[in-house]
Protein backbone atom coordinates (compact mmCIF):
# COMPACT_ATOMS: atom_id res chain seq x y z
CA MET A 1 78.94 -185.66 111.06
CA ASN A 2 75.54 -184.35 112.48
CA ILE A 3 76.47 -180.84 113.05
CA ILE A 4 77.39 -181.04 109.24
CA ILE A 5 74.25 -182.11 108.03
CA GLY A 6 72.32 -179.96 110.87
CA ASN A 7 74.30 -177.39 109.14
CA ASN A 8 73.00 -178.31 105.37
CA LEU A 9 69.73 -178.85 107.09
CA LYS A 10 69.18 -175.30 107.68
CA MET A 11 70.49 -173.72 104.95
CA LEU A 12 68.35 -175.75 102.73
CA ARG A 13 65.54 -174.83 104.86
CA LYS A 14 66.02 -171.56 104.65
CA ALA A 15 66.26 -171.75 100.84
CA LYS A 16 62.92 -173.14 100.56
CA ASN A 17 62.38 -170.51 102.85
CA MET A 18 60.15 -173.04 105.10
CA SER A 19 59.88 -172.77 109.29
CA GLN A 20 61.44 -175.77 111.72
CA GLU A 21 57.72 -176.37 112.18
CA GLU A 22 57.33 -177.28 108.61
CA VAL A 23 59.88 -178.81 107.46
CA ALA A 24 58.67 -181.44 110.67
CA ASP A 25 55.65 -181.70 109.76
CA HIS A 26 56.71 -182.94 106.85
CA LEU A 27 58.69 -185.21 108.28
CA ASN A 28 55.77 -186.40 111.06
CA ILE A 29 58.03 -185.57 114.01
CA SER A 30 58.70 -182.32 116.74
CA GLN A 31 59.75 -179.29 115.49
CA SER A 32 61.98 -179.87 118.60
CA ALA A 33 63.57 -182.64 118.00
CA TYR A 34 63.69 -181.09 114.16
CA ALA A 35 65.85 -177.73 116.04
CA ARG A 36 67.86 -180.61 117.51
CA MET A 37 68.26 -182.12 113.92
CA GLU A 38 69.58 -178.78 112.57
CA ARG A 39 71.84 -177.95 116.09
CA GLY A 40 73.99 -181.05 115.44
CA GLU A 41 72.12 -182.71 118.18
CA SER A 42 70.33 -185.66 117.39
CA THR A 43 71.29 -188.46 115.24
CA SER A 44 67.38 -189.35 114.64
CA CYS A 45 68.15 -187.25 111.08
CA ALA A 46 69.36 -190.70 110.22
CA ILE A 47 65.38 -192.19 110.33
CA HIS A 48 64.37 -189.51 108.10
CA PHE A 49 67.26 -189.30 105.99
CA ASN A 50 65.01 -189.88 102.67
CA LYS A 51 62.38 -188.11 103.35
CA ILE A 52 64.63 -185.48 104.11
CA CYS A 53 66.00 -185.52 100.55
CA GLN A 54 62.54 -185.91 99.13
CA VAL A 55 61.35 -181.95 100.97
CA PHE A 56 64.33 -180.78 100.06
CA GLU A 57 64.99 -182.13 96.81
CA ILE A 58 68.37 -182.71 96.49
CA THR A 59 70.49 -186.29 96.47
CA PRO A 60 71.42 -187.99 99.78
CA GLU A 61 75.04 -187.30 98.53
CA ASP A 62 74.46 -183.61 99.06
CA LEU A 63 73.31 -183.98 102.32
CA VAL A 64 76.00 -184.97 103.85
CA LYS A 65 78.74 -182.85 101.82
CA LYS A 66 80.66 -180.66 104.16
CA GLU A 67 80.22 -177.82 102.62
CA LEU A 68 76.95 -177.88 100.95
CA GLY A 69 77.86 -175.68 97.77
CA ILE A 70 76.39 -172.71 96.40
CA ALA A 71 75.39 -174.56 93.06
CA THR A 72 72.66 -176.50 95.41
CA TYR A 73 71.87 -173.45 96.64
CA GLU A 74 71.75 -171.30 93.90
CA SER A 75 69.31 -174.17 91.97
CA LEU A 76 66.20 -174.22 95.28
CA MET A 77 66.81 -170.76 94.64
CA ASN A 78 66.72 -170.76 91.08
CA THR A 79 63.73 -173.36 91.49
CA GLU A 80 61.91 -170.86 93.73
CA ARG A 81 62.18 -168.06 91.82
CA GLN A 82 61.88 -168.95 88.45
CA THR A 83 58.02 -169.62 90.66
CA GLU A 84 58.19 -166.91 91.86
CA ILE A 85 58.37 -165.79 88.20
CA ALA A 86 55.64 -167.54 86.75
CA MET A 87 53.15 -166.00 89.72
CA ILE A 88 53.73 -162.70 88.77
CA SER A 89 52.83 -163.44 85.14
CA ILE A 90 49.55 -164.66 85.77
CA TYR A 91 48.93 -162.34 88.45
CA ARG A 92 49.09 -160.02 85.65
CA LYS A 93 47.40 -161.90 83.59
CA ILE A 94 43.89 -161.73 85.64
CA ILE A 95 45.00 -157.64 86.26
CA LYS A 96 44.99 -157.21 82.34
CA LYS A 97 41.49 -159.43 81.98
CA TYR A 98 39.93 -157.11 84.42
CA GLU A 99 41.33 -153.67 83.70
CA LEU A 100 39.99 -154.59 79.77
CA GLU A 101 36.38 -156.00 81.48
CA ILE A 102 36.59 -152.56 83.23
CA GLU A 103 36.63 -150.83 80.17
CA ASP A 104 34.01 -152.26 78.35
CA LEU A 105 31.86 -151.85 81.97
CA LYS A 106 32.90 -148.33 81.63
CA THR A 107 32.03 -147.62 77.86
CA ILE A 108 28.60 -149.74 78.19
CA ILE A 109 28.22 -146.77 81.69
CA LYS A 110 29.15 -144.35 79.10
CA TYR A 111 25.72 -145.90 76.33
CA LEU A 112 23.48 -146.14 79.16
CA ASN A 113 23.88 -142.97 80.59
CA LYS A 114 23.15 -141.58 77.43
CA GLY A 115 20.70 -143.18 76.98
CA LYS A 116 18.27 -141.83 79.75
CA ASN A 117 19.25 -137.91 78.41
């Protein structure tokens, strides 16, 4: 059972693009203690079971499944991808705003330079 949970922890962590240290920080344990959980060498995951499920946004059933499943993995990746798409959209709006401001400033500079001549 520890090997199954360990494999699932590793897959979930990678799907969330997190380091072992980041997950360990969420669980308030050392990175080496978390690494032992991923390798299936520790039973301390039972103590942190609920917190692990919260960190990875999964159900307890998902954590102990022999195969975590493509659907769970894809849902994690889709959430990450949706966040990425939303951020790109926001960045594009900001860039567009600055491009418009730059064009306005160019027009003002052009107008001011005409007044000097």
